[in-house]
Amino acid sequence: MLDPHRVTEDVVLFTEIDTACGRVFARATLNSPPTLNALSLDMIELLEPKFAQWAKDPRVIGVVLDAVGDKAFCAGGDLQMLYASMRETPEGEVPRRAAEFFEREYRLDYLIHTYPKPILCWGHGIVMGGGIGLFAGASHRVATPRTRLAMPEITVGLYPDVGGSWFLRRAPGKSGLFLALTGALLNAADARFVGLADFVLAHEDKDRVLASIAGGHWSDAAADNRNQLSRSLDRLALREGLPEAQVRKHYDLLDATIGNDSLLDIAGRLQALTTHEDAWIAAAATNFVKGSPTSAALSFALWRRVLHLSMADVLRLEYHVSVTCARIGDFAEGIRALIIDKDRNPRWRPARLADVSDAYIQSFMQAPHPLADLV
């Protein structure tokens, strides 16, 4: 439970937008600019009950989810806390706080994906990892010209969780597996192309959007309100002047690189792209080469497994995998190298993709889980 001596409610700001018809849009604003609004357990413990309450409140006809600051909507999960949880736990045992974090985070993500009312999520600036978990499930996902999205978990010994196994599997062609294996950075046009954003608006138009919500006459029918919100956003959507979508530009190359064969074959093709003339392709391939071999194998195994699974089943499976990553995988070492010691020289175990056995990967999918009630 939330410890009142450890945190105050201003890590998330809760307000209401009064509308012309007397109903309200509830608003939740992430408020931790020094951490780029990294998603903490404290935030989750505040957001989840509010979203559940708003879903049942007849006064609330929609939700706005945004963040304080000009740099990031949410740069990912609370890696500092997760690292501390792993380090304070005896080797081989389940880190209690990490397991609690994954359970509560995935419950919140699932609630957003299945929410009965429209959710407008304003994804300005950096949107990564756990931030994409919040963003991807909203009914109305707004990117801006300065939005930068990624699932860069391969660089820290994890894999694209928070439902990433589900929504990357549904990206065009094989682009989702390329993104999972490389953590490639996406711009706003990319986000629309791969199905992670619905609208691209100028960040400067945010106040106009909120004013339009306040001036609107909304109904009791969620479907009508979703349509009305879509029309309001579409009127301000940017049609020209956006940076080129890199995934669309390189679509054929990405599909050919992933191909239809083994991960070792894919790895050879990605290795060859590290010297590609296009900087985006070369950076993505380099991320793969430097990333955790176990993370790559987990991403590949999940890609092959989840095609016909529901979101609830995927989150249950991801809980298995994430807890095991915190218990026996490369996750702690990846965080150490990136944000604790900052030497950027992780010592992965196993160090070579060829040494990651199928049996080892299957062991990540066998941990007990508390998400059996998701339907």
Protein backbone atom coordinates (compact mmCIF):
# COMPACT_ATOMS: atom_id res chain seq x y z
CA MET A 1 0.00 0.00 0.00
CA LEU A 2 1.01 3.63 -0.43
CA ASP A 3 3.22 4.82 2.42
CA PRO A 4 2.14 8.40 3.33
CA HIS A 5 5.55 9.02 4.91
CA ARG A 6 7.38 8.00 1.73
CA VAL A 7 5.52 9.88 -0.98
CA THR A 8 3.00 12.63 -1.49
CA GLU A 9 0.28 12.68 -4.09
CA ASP A 10 2.08 15.29 -6.18
CA VAL A 11 3.98 12.61 -8.13
CA VAL A 12 0.65 12.50 -9.97
CA LEU A 13 -1.62 15.54 -10.15
CA PHE A 14 -5.36 14.86 -10.32
CA THR A 15 -7.73 17.51 -11.63
CA GLU A 16 -11.04 17.78 -13.47
CA ILE A 17 -11.94 19.55 -16.71
CA ASP A 18 -15.47 20.91 -16.42
CA THR A 19 -17.38 20.73 -19.68
CA ALA A 20 -20.21 22.82 -21.11
CA CYS A 21 -22.71 20.00 -20.51
CA GLY A 22 -21.97 19.69 -16.79
CA ARG A 23 -19.97 16.47 -17.09
CA VAL A 24 -16.22 16.28 -16.55
CA PHE A 25 -13.08 14.84 -18.07
CA ALA A 26 -10.83 13.58 -15.30
CA ARG A 27 -7.15 14.41 -15.73
CA ALA A 28 -4.07 12.60 -14.40
CA THR A 29 -0.72 14.34 -14.88
CA LEU A 30 2.57 12.59 -14.17
CA ASN A 31 4.69 14.99 -12.15
CA SER A 32 8.31 13.95 -11.78
CA PRO A 33 10.28 16.01 -14.32
CA PRO A 34 13.70 15.29 -12.71
CA THR A 35 13.24 11.58 -13.55
CA LEU A 36 11.64 12.33 -16.94
CA ASN A 37 8.40 11.17 -15.31
CA ALA A 38 9.71 7.61 -14.92
CA LEU A 39 6.87 5.36 -13.83
CA SER A 40 7.28 4.49 -10.16
CA LEU A 41 5.30 2.16 -7.94
CA ASP A 42 4.10 5.26 -6.10
CA MET A 43 2.62 6.61 -9.35
CA ILE A 44 0.97 3.29 -10.16
CA GLU A 45 -0.56 3.05 -6.68
CA LEU A 46 -2.15 6.44 -7.24
CA LEU A 47 -3.22 5.97 -10.86
CA GLU A 48 -4.84 2.55 -10.69
CA PRO A 49 -7.55 3.29 -8.09
CA LYS A 50 -8.32 6.65 -9.70
CA PHE A 51 -8.82 5.08 -13.13
CA ALA A 52 -11.02 2.39 -11.57
CA GLN A 53 -13.08 5.03 -9.74
CA TRP A 54 -13.48 7.20 -12.85
CA ALA A 55 -14.63 4.20 -14.89
CA LYS A 56 -17.65 3.85 -12.59
CA ASP A 57 -18.37 7.56 -12.01
CA PRO A 58 -21.24 8.73 -14.28
CA ARG A 59 -19.99 12.34 -14.05
CA VAL A 60 -16.71 11.35 -15.72
CA ILE A 61 -17.11 10.89 -19.44
CA GLY A 62 -13.40 10.63 -20.34
CA VAL A 63 -9.82 10.86 -19.08
CA VAL A 64 -6.81 12.93 -20.07
CA LEU A 65 -3.40 11.41 -19.23
CA ASP A 66 -0.40 13.69 -19.65
CA ALA A 67 2.75 14.85 -17.89
CA VAL A 68 4.47 17.91 -16.48
CA GLY A 69 7.50 19.20 -18.36
CA ASP A 70 8.60 19.66 -21.93
CA LYS A 71 11.04 16.75 -22.23
CA ALA A 72 9.10 13.56 -21.59
CA PHE A 73 5.71 12.01 -21.11
CA CYS A 74 7.33 9.01 -19.40
CA ALA A 75 10.87 7.75 -20.03
CA GLY A 76 10.23 4.24 -18.69
CA GLY A 77 9.92 2.30 -15.47
CA ASP A 78 11.68 3.05 -12.19
CA LEU A 79 14.96 1.25 -12.90
CA GLN A 80 16.63 2.54 -9.72
CA MET A 81 13.99 0.86 -7.56
CA LEU A 82 14.06 -2.33 -9.60
CA TYR A 83 17.85 -2.51 -9.30
CA ALA A 84 17.69 -1.99 -5.54
CA SER A 85 15.08 -4.71 -5.23
CA MET A 86 17.23 -7.16 -7.17
CA ARG A 87 20.37 -6.31 -5.19
CA GLU A 88 18.71 -6.66 -1.79
CA THR A 89 17.34 -10.13 -2.65
CA PRO A 90 19.39 -13.33 -2.18
CA GLU A 91 20.53 -14.83 -5.48
CA GLY A 92 17.91 -17.04 -7.09
CA GLU A 93 14.99 -15.69 -5.05
CA VAL A 94 12.18 -13.52 -6.40
CA PRO A 95 12.80 -9.80 -5.71
CA ARG A 96 9.63 -8.87 -3.84
CA ARG A 97 9.41 -5.20 -4.80
CA ALA A 98 10.22 -5.91 -8.44
CA ALA A 99 7.52 -8.59 -8.61
CA GLU A 100 5.02 -6.21 -7.01
CA PHE A 101 5.97 -3.48 -9.47
CA PHE A 102 5.43 -5.71 -12.52
CA GLU A 103 2.09 -6.97 -11.22
CA ARG A 104 0.73 -3.52 -10.45
CA GLU A 105 2.14 -1.99 -13.65
CA TYR A 106 0.59 -4.65 -15.85
CA ARG A 107 -2.75 -4.35 -14.09
CA LEU A 108 -2.75 -0.61 -14.81
CA ASP A 109 -1.76 -1.19 -18.44
CA TYR A 110 -4.58 -3.73 -18.82
CA LEU A 111 -7.07 -1.33 -17.28
CA ILE A 112 -6.11 1.32 -19.82
CA HIS A 113 -6.34 -1.13 -22.75
CA THR A 114 -9.83 -2.23 -21.68
CA TYR A 115 -11.13 1.13 -20.39
CA PRO A 116 -14.86 1.74 -20.99
CA LYS A 117 -14.44 5.47 -21.61
CA PRO A 118 -12.20 7.47 -23.96
CA ILE A 119 -8.66 8.14 -22.75
CA LEU A 120 -6.65 10.91 -24.40
CA CYS A 121 -2.94 10.33 -23.77
CA TRP A 122 -0.65 13.21 -24.71
CA GLY A 123 2.68 11.56 -25.56
CA HIS A 124 4.98 14.54 -25.98
CA GLY A 125 8.75 14.12 -25.81
CA ILE A 126 10.30 10.86 -24.64
CA VAL A 127 7.93 7.89 -24.44
CA MET A 128 9.81 4.70 -23.67
CA GLY A 129 9.36 1.34 -21.98
CA GLY A 130 6.82 1.69 -19.19
CA GLY A 131 5.72 5.00 -20.72
CA ILE A 132 4.65 3.15 -23.87
CA GLY A 133 2.77 0.77 -21.57
CA LEU A 134 0.60 3.69 -20.47
CA PHE A 135 0.42 5.26 -23.92
CA ALA A 136 -0.28 2.25 -26.13
CA GLY A 137 -3.60 1.24 -24.58
CA ALA A 138 -5.29 4.65 -24.65
CA SER A 139 -8.15 5.13 -27.10
CA HIS A 140 -6.72 8.45 -28.38
CA ARG A 141 -2.91 8.52 -28.51
CA VAL A 142 -1.41 11.86 -29.46
CA ALA A 143 2.20 12.21 -30.56
CA THR A 144 3.90 15.52 -31.36
CA PRO A 145 6.77 16.40 -33.73
CA ARG A 146 9.11 16.07 -30.74
CA THR A 147 7.83 12.66 -29.63
CA ARG A 148 10.50 9.96 -29.48
CA LEU A 149 9.32 6.42 -28.74
CA ALA A 150 11.33 3.25 -28.18
CA MET A 151 11.27 -0.10 -26.45
CA PRO A 152 15.03 -0.20 -25.70
CA GLU A 153 14.93 -3.04 -23.17
CA ILE A 154 17.54 -5.12 -25.01
CA THR A 155 20.11 -2.57 -23.81
CA VAL A 156 19.27 -3.26 -20.13
CA GLY A 157 18.75 -7.02 -20.20
CA LEU A 158 14.95 -7.01 -20.29
CA TYR A 159 12.63 -7.28 -23.35
CA PRO A 160 9.66 -5.21 -24.62
CA ASP A 161 7.17 -5.90 -21.83
CA VAL A 162 4.11 -3.85 -20.72
CA GLY A 163 2.20 -5.58 -23.50
CA GLY A 164 4.97 -4.99 -26.04
CA SER A 165 4.92 -8.66 -26.98
CA TRP A 166 1.28 -8.08 -28.03
CA PHE A 167 1.35 -4.70 -29.78
CA LEU A 168 4.71 -5.10 -31.53
CA ARG A 169 3.44 -8.41 -32.93
CA ARG A 170 0.68 -6.40 -34.58
CA ALA A 171 2.95 -3.82 -36.24
CA PRO A 172 3.17 -3.95 -40.06
CA GLY A 173 5.07 -6.89 -41.49
CA LYS A 174 8.00 -7.93 -39.33
CA SER A 175 8.80 -4.41 -38.18
CA GLY A 176 7.71 -5.19 -34.61
CA LEU A 177 10.34 -7.89 -34.18
CA PHE A 178 12.98 -5.57 -35.65
CA LEU A 179 11.99 -2.94 -33.08
CA ALA A 180 12.03 -5.47 -30.24
CA LEU A 181 15.50 -6.73 -31.17
CA THR A 182 17.05 -3.31 -31.75
CA GLY A 183 15.22 -0.81 -29.55
CA ALA A 184 15.19 1.51 -32.57
CA LEU A 185 13.99 5.06 -31.96
CA LEU A 186 10.66 6.06 -33.50
CA ASN A 187 9.46 9.53 -34.43
CA ALA A 188 5.82 10.62 -34.53
CA ALA A 189 5.29 9.48 -38.12
CA ASP A 190 6.79 6.08 -37.23
CA ALA A 191 4.48 5.82 -34.25
CA ARG A 192 1.45 6.28 -36.49
CA PHE A 193 2.77 3.84 -39.08
CA VAL A 194 3.39 1.00 -36.62
CA GLY A 195 0.09 1.59 -34.79
CA LEU A 196 1.36 3.20 -31.59
CA ALA A 197 -0.18 6.65 -32.15
CA ASP A 198 -3.45 7.85 -33.65
CA PHE A 199 -2.88 11.58 -34.15
CA VAL A 200 0.09 13.93 -34.51
CA LEU A 201 -0.53 17.42 -33.14
CA ALA A 202 1.69 20.38 -32.37
CA HIS A 203 2.50 20.44 -28.67
CA GLU A 204 1.59 24.12 -28.73
CA ASP A 205 -2.00 23.12 -29.54
CA LYS A 206 -2.49 21.19 -26.32
CA ASP A 207 -4.34 24.06 -24.63
CA ARG A 208 -6.65 24.31 -27.64
CA VAL A 209 -7.45 20.61 -27.29
CA LEU A 210 -8.22 20.99 -23.60
CA ALA A 211 -10.37 24.03 -24.34
CA SER A 212 -12.27 22.05 -26.97
CA ILE A 213 -12.94 19.33 -24.39
CA ALA A 214 -14.17 21.92 -21.91
CA GLY A 215 -16.45 23.53 -24.49
CA GLY A 216 -17.91 20.28 -25.72
CA HIS A 217 -21.38 18.87 -25.15
CA TRP A 218 -20.79 15.22 -24.35
CA SER A 219 -23.23 12.35 -24.02
CA ASP A 220 -23.67 9.31 -21.81
CA ALA A 221 -22.63 7.02 -24.67
CA ALA A 222 -18.92 6.23 -24.62
CA ALA A 223 -18.88 5.42 -28.35
CA ASP A 224 -20.33 8.82 -29.22
CA ASN A 225 -17.79 10.53 -26.98
CA ARG A 226 -14.92 8.63 -28.59
CA ASN A 227 -16.10 9.79 -32.01
CA GLN A 228 -16.50 13.38 -30.85
CA LEU A 229 -13.00 13.40 -29.33
CA SER A 230 -11.57 11.92 -32.53
CA ARG A 231 -13.16 14.66 -34.64
CA SER A 232 -11.82 17.33 -32.30
CA LEU A 233 -8.27 15.97 -32.51
CA ASP A 234 -8.45 15.41 -36.24
CA ARG A 235 -9.28 19.07 -36.85
CA LEU A 236 -5.90 20.04 -35.38
CA ALA A 237 -3.87 17.09 -36.68
CA LEU A 238 -0.70 17.90 -38.61
CA ARG A 239 -0.78 16.69 -42.22
CA GLU A 240 2.55 18.00 -43.52
CA GLY A 241 6.04 18.85 -42.36
CA LEU A 242 6.59 15.78 -40.20
CA PRO A 243 9.91 13.92 -40.27
CA GLU A 244 9.93 10.87 -42.52
CA ALA A 245 8.81 7.62 -40.95
CA GLN A 246 11.96 5.49 -40.83
CA VAL A 247 10.07 2.21 -40.54
CA ARG A 248 8.06 3.01 -43.67
CA LYS A 249 11.19 4.18 -45.51
CA HIS A 250 13.08 0.96 -44.72
CA TYR A 251 10.12 -1.39 -44.62
CA ASP A 252 11.41 -3.84 -47.23
CA LEU A 253 14.88 -3.93 -45.66
CA LEU A 254 13.43 -4.59 -42.21
CA ASP A 255 11.29 -7.45 -43.50
CA ALA A 256 14.21 -8.97 -45.38
CA THR A 257 16.47 -8.64 -42.34
CA ILE A 258 14.05 -10.46 -40.06
CA GLY A 259 13.15 -13.03 -42.72
CA ASN A 260 11.58 -16.36 -41.82
CA ASP A 261 14.38 -18.35 -40.27
CA SER A 262 16.29 -18.66 -36.99
CA LEU A 263 17.39 -15.94 -34.60
CA LEU A 264 21.04 -16.78 -35.33
CA ASP A 265 20.38 -16.10 -39.02
CA ILE A 266 18.67 -12.81 -38.14
CA ALA A 267 21.64 -11.90 -35.92
CA GLY A 268 24.04 -12.32 -38.83
CA ARG A 269 21.97 -10.00 -41.00
CA LEU A 270 21.69 -7.41 -38.23
CA GLN A 271 25.45 -7.57 -37.67
CA ALA A 272 25.96 -6.71 -41.33
CA LEU A 273 23.76 -3.61 -40.95
CA THR A 274 26.00 -1.98 -38.30
CA THR A 275 27.91 -0.28 -41.13
CA HIS A 276 24.83 0.64 -43.17
CA GLU A 277 24.95 4.08 -44.78
CA ASP A 278 21.69 5.10 -43.12
CA ALA A 279 22.38 6.25 -39.56
CA TRP A 280 19.02 5.03 -38.19
CA ILE A 281 19.58 1.51 -39.50
CA ALA A 282 23.20 1.40 -38.32
CA ALA A 283 22.29 2.63 -34.81
CA ALA A 284 19.49 0.08 -34.49
CA ALA A 285 21.74 -2.79 -35.59
CA THR A 286 24.48 -1.65 -33.20
CA ASN A 287 21.98 -1.71 -30.32
CA PHE A 288 21.28 -5.34 -31.13
CA VAL A 289 24.94 -6.32 -31.33
CA LYS A 290 25.70 -4.65 -27.97
CA GLY A 291 22.49 -5.83 -26.30
CA SER A 292 21.78 -8.81 -24.09
CA PRO A 293 21.73 -12.11 -26.01
CA THR A 294 19.17 -13.44 -23.53
CA SER A 295 16.92 -10.43 -24.16
CA ALA A 296 17.12 -11.04 -27.90
CA ALA A 297 16.22 -14.70 -27.46
CA LEU A 298 13.31 -13.83 -25.17
CA SER A 299 11.95 -11.27 -27.66
CA PHE A 300 12.19 -13.83 -30.47
CA ALA A 301 10.54 -16.59 -28.44
CA LEU A 302 7.69 -14.32 -27.38
CA TRP A 303 7.20 -13.10 -30.95
CA ARG A 304 6.63 -16.66 -32.08
CA ARG A 305 4.38 -17.54 -29.15
CA VAL A 306 1.91 -14.67 -28.74
CA LEU A 307 0.27 -14.27 -32.16
CA HIS A 308 -3.08 -15.75 -31.12
CA LEU A 309 -3.01 -14.79 -27.44
CA SER A 310 -5.27 -12.18 -25.83
CA MET A 311 -3.84 -9.12 -24.10
CA ALA A 312 -4.61 -10.71 -20.72
CA ASP A 313 -2.76 -13.91 -21.68
CA VAL A 314 0.20 -11.91 -22.96
CA LEU A 315 0.46 -9.91 -19.75
CA ARG A 316 0.30 -13.10 -17.71
CA LEU A 317 3.12 -14.53 -19.80
CA GLU A 318 5.13 -11.32 -19.58
CA TYR A 319 4.79 -11.39 -15.80
CA HIS A 320 6.43 -14.84 -15.79
CA VAL A 321 9.27 -13.58 -17.95
CA SER A 322 9.82 -10.24 -16.22
CA VAL A 323 9.98 -11.71 -12.72
CA THR A 324 12.47 -14.31 -13.92
CA CYS A 325 14.55 -11.58 -15.59
CA ALA A 326 14.69 -9.88 -12.19
CA ARG A 327 15.57 -13.17 -10.49
CA ILE A 328 18.16 -14.81 -12.75
CA GLY A 329 18.65 -12.80 -15.94
CA ASP A 330 20.79 -9.94 -17.24
CA PHE A 331 18.45 -7.23 -15.98
CA ALA A 332 20.43 -6.12 -12.91
CA GLU A 333 23.68 -6.10 -14.87
CA GLY A 334 22.13 -4.02 -17.65
CA ILE A 335 20.85 -1.41 -15.21
CA ARG A 336 24.21 -1.33 -13.44
CA ALA A 337 26.07 -0.63 -16.66
CA LEU A 338 23.61 1.97 -17.93
CA ILE A 339 22.55 4.05 -14.91
CA ILE A 340 24.40 2.91 -11.76
CA ASP A 341 28.09 2.71 -12.70
CA LYS A 342 27.44 4.20 -16.15
CA ASP A 343 30.36 2.33 -17.69
CA ARG A 344 28.15 1.13 -20.57
CA ASN A 345 30.03 -2.15 -20.52
CA PRO A 346 27.55 -4.82 -19.41
CA ARG A 347 28.84 -8.33 -18.83
CA TRP A 348 26.02 -10.43 -20.27
CA ARG A 349 25.56 -14.05 -19.24
CA PRO A 350 25.58 -15.91 -21.58
CA ALA A 351 27.76 -13.54 -23.58
CA ARG A 352 27.00 -15.10 -26.96
CA LEU A 353 23.66 -15.68 -28.59
CA ALA A 354 24.76 -19.16 -29.67
CA ASP A 355 25.09 -20.10 -25.98
CA VAL A 356 21.49 -19.16 -25.06
CA SER A 357 19.70 -22.50 -25.00
CA ASP A 358 16.03 -23.10 -25.67
CA ALA A 359 15.72 -24.70 -22.24
CA TYR A 360 17.12 -21.57 -20.60
CA ILE A 361 14.61 -19.36 -22.41
CA GLN A 362 11.71 -21.66 -21.49
CA SER A 363 12.72 -21.39 -17.82
CA PHE A 364 11.76 -17.70 -17.92
CA MET A 365 8.14 -18.59 -18.58
CA GLN A 366 7.44 -20.84 -15.59
CA ALA A 367 7.28 -18.49 -12.56
CA PRO A 368 4.08 -18.23 -10.43
CA HIS A 369 1.93 -15.23 -11.28
CA PRO A 370 -0.88 -13.22 -9.63
CA LEU A 371 -2.62 -12.10 -12.84
CA ALA A 372 -4.86 -15.14 -13.32
CA ASP A 373 -7.97 -13.03 -12.79
CA LEU A 374 -7.47 -10.90 -15.94
CA VAL A 375 -10.20 -11.88 -18.40
